[in-house]
Amino acid sequence: MNLDELRKFQQKRPFQPFDIILVDRRTFHVPHPDFIWVPPGRGTWVYVHDPKSDAADHVNTAIISSIRTASNGKRRKAG
């Protein structure tokens, strides 16, 4: 996964919430484009904000295994 691919999800209009799944199976839910910061230019890190815990995670794009969107905009259960 690279920053350009993540920007496509962040900038999609209308926006569709998505989950970022890491290789260790941790998942970060992005309910709105304001909850992820993809830096300009090239790089390997993004920041994902979790509104429930008010924490921000610094995620290396090299360990992102996939991105999952729900067609109805709601978060899908893992399984």
C-alpha atoms as a PDB file:
ATOM      1  CA  MET A   1       0.000   0.000   0.000  1.00  0.00           C
ATOM      2  CA  ASN A   2       1.293   3.477  -0.733  1.00  0.00           C
ATOM      3  CA  LEU A   3       0.190   7.026   0.055  1.00  0.00           C
ATOM      4  CA  ASP A   4      -1.367   7.583  -3.383  1.00  0.00           C
ATOM      5  CA  GLU A   5      -3.647   4.572  -2.872  1.00  0.00           C
ATOM      6  CA  LEU A   6      -4.688   5.813   0.568  1.00  0.00           C
ATOM      7  CA  ARG A   7      -5.377   9.301  -0.823  1.00  0.00           C
ATOM      8  CA  LYS A   8      -7.849   7.778  -3.291  1.00  0.00           C
ATOM      9  CA  PHE A   9      -9.879   6.361  -0.406  1.00  0.00           C
ATOM     10  CA  GLN A  10      -9.620   9.578   1.622  1.00  0.00           C
ATOM     11  CA  GLN A  11     -10.599  11.828  -1.291  1.00  0.00           C
ATOM     12  CA  LYS A  12     -13.353   9.668  -2.791  1.00  0.00           C
ATOM     13  CA  ARG A  13     -16.613  11.602  -3.231  1.00  0.00           C
ATOM     14  CA  PRO A  14     -19.025  10.768  -1.921  1.00  0.00           C
ATOM     15  CA  PHE A  15     -16.806   9.525   0.872  1.00  0.00           C
ATOM     16  CA  GLN A  16     -17.225   5.903   1.960  1.00  0.00           C
ATOM     17  CA  PRO A  17     -16.005   4.915   5.434  1.00  0.00           C
ATOM     18  CA  PHE A  18     -13.297   2.275   5.292  1.00  0.00           C
ATOM     19  CA  ASP A  19     -11.160   0.015   7.447  1.00  0.00           C
ATOM     20  CA  ILE A  20      -7.391  -0.220   7.211  1.00  0.00           C
ATOM     21  CA  ILE A  21      -6.280  -3.777   7.980  1.00  0.00           C
ATOM     22  CA  LEU A  22      -2.672  -4.389   8.972  1.00  0.00           C
ATOM     23  CA  VAL A  23      -0.668  -7.560   8.436  1.00  0.00           C
ATOM     24  CA  ASP A  24      -1.059  -8.409  12.149  1.00  0.00           C
ATOM     25  CA  ARG A  25      -4.873  -8.124  11.677  1.00  0.00           C
ATOM     26  CA  ARG A  26      -5.259  -4.891  13.674  1.00  0.00           C
ATOM     27  CA  THR A  27      -7.942  -2.730  12.105  1.00  0.00           C
ATOM     28  CA  PHE A  28      -8.347   1.044  12.019  1.00  0.00           C
ATOM     29  CA  HIS A  29     -11.772   2.390  11.102  1.00  0.00           C
ATOM     30  CA  VAL A  30     -11.895   5.667   9.160  1.00  0.00           C
ATOM     31  CA  PRO A  31     -15.479   6.997   9.473  1.00  0.00           C
ATOM     32  CA  HIS A  32     -14.759  10.380   7.847  1.00  0.00           C
ATOM     33  CA  PRO A  33     -11.896  11.826   5.762  1.00  0.00           C
ATOM     34  CA  ASP A  34     -10.920  14.103   8.665  1.00  0.00           C
ATOM     35  CA  PHE A  35      -9.940  11.030  10.715  1.00  0.00           C
ATOM     36  CA  ILE A  36      -6.934  10.169   8.554  1.00  0.00           C
ATOM     37  CA  TRP A  37      -4.007  12.392   7.650  1.00  0.00           C
ATOM     38  CA  VAL A  38      -2.066  11.373   4.572  1.00  0.00           C
ATOM     39  CA  PRO A  39       0.976  13.642   4.272  1.00  0.00           C
ATOM     40  CA  PRO A  40       1.691  15.366   0.970  1.00  0.00           C
ATOM     41  CA  GLY A  41       4.358  13.961  -1.276  1.00  0.00           C
ATOM     42  CA  ARG A  42       5.971  10.605  -0.829  1.00  0.00           C
ATOM     43  CA  GLY A  43       6.446   8.761   2.414  1.00  0.00           C
ATOM     44  CA  THR A  44       5.479   5.652   4.308  1.00  0.00           C
ATOM     45  CA  TRP A  45       3.463   6.887   7.311  1.00  0.00           C
ATOM     46  CA  VAL A  46      -0.134   8.008   7.883  1.00  0.00           C
ATOM     47  CA  TYR A  47      -1.950   9.149  11.010  1.00  0.00           C
ATOM     48  CA  VAL A  48      -5.319   7.634  11.881  1.00  0.00           C
ATOM     49  CA  HIS A  49      -7.463   9.196  14.621  1.00  0.00           C
ATOM     50  CA  ASP A  50      -9.790   7.055  16.740  1.00  0.00           C
ATOM     51  CA  PRO A  51     -12.681   9.247  17.920  1.00  0.00           C
ATOM     52  CA  LYS A  52     -13.695   6.735  20.617  1.00  0.00           C
ATOM     53  CA  SER A  53     -10.389   6.844  22.466  1.00  0.00           C
ATOM     54  CA  ASP A  54      -9.254  10.230  21.104  1.00  0.00           C
ATOM     55  CA  ALA A  55      -5.937   8.564  20.238  1.00  0.00           C
ATOM     56  CA  ALA A  56      -3.951   8.926  17.038  1.00  0.00           C
ATOM     57  CA  ASP A  57      -1.984   6.046  15.571  1.00  0.00           C
ATOM     58  CA  HIS A  58       1.065   6.480  13.379  1.00  0.00           C
ATOM     59  CA  VAL A  59       0.773   3.673  10.791  1.00  0.00           C
ATOM     60  CA  ASN A  60       3.497   2.533   8.409  1.00  0.00           C
ATOM     61  CA  THR A  61       2.002   1.858   4.972  1.00  0.00           C
ATOM     62  CA  ALA A  62       4.374  -1.106   4.519  1.00  0.00           C
ATOM     63  CA  ILE A  63       2.342  -3.115   7.042  1.00  0.00           C
ATOM     64  CA  ILE A  64      -1.095  -2.364   5.565  1.00  0.00           C
ATOM     65  CA  SER A  65      -2.409  -5.585   4.067  1.00  0.00           C
ATOM     66  CA  SER A  66      -5.739  -4.279   2.740  1.00  0.00           C
ATOM     67  CA  ILE A  67      -8.453  -1.657   2.839  1.00  0.00           C
ATOM     68  CA  ARG A  68     -12.082  -2.675   3.181  1.00  0.00           C
ATOM     69  CA  THR A  69     -15.102  -0.507   2.415  1.00  0.00           C
ATOM     70  CA  ALA A  70     -18.750  -1.268   3.054  1.00  0.00           C
ATOM     71  CA  SER A  71     -21.149  -0.503   0.222  1.00  0.00           C
ATOM     72  CA  ASN A  72     -23.716   0.892   2.686  1.00  0.00           C
ATOM     73  CA  GLY A  73     -21.103   3.022   4.461  1.00  0.00           C
ATOM     74  CA  LYS A  74     -21.316   1.060   7.710  1.00  0.00           C
ATOM     75  CA  ARG A  75     -18.483  -0.786   9.314  1.00  0.00           C
ATOM     76  CA  ARG A  76     -18.467  -4.495   8.599  1.00  0.00           C
ATOM     77  CA  LYS A  77     -17.768  -7.007  11.340  1.00  0.00           C
ATOM     78  CA  ALA A  78     -14.509  -8.886  10.981  1.00  0.00           C
ATOM     79  CA  GLY A  79     -14.806 -12.575  10.604  1.00  0.00           C
END
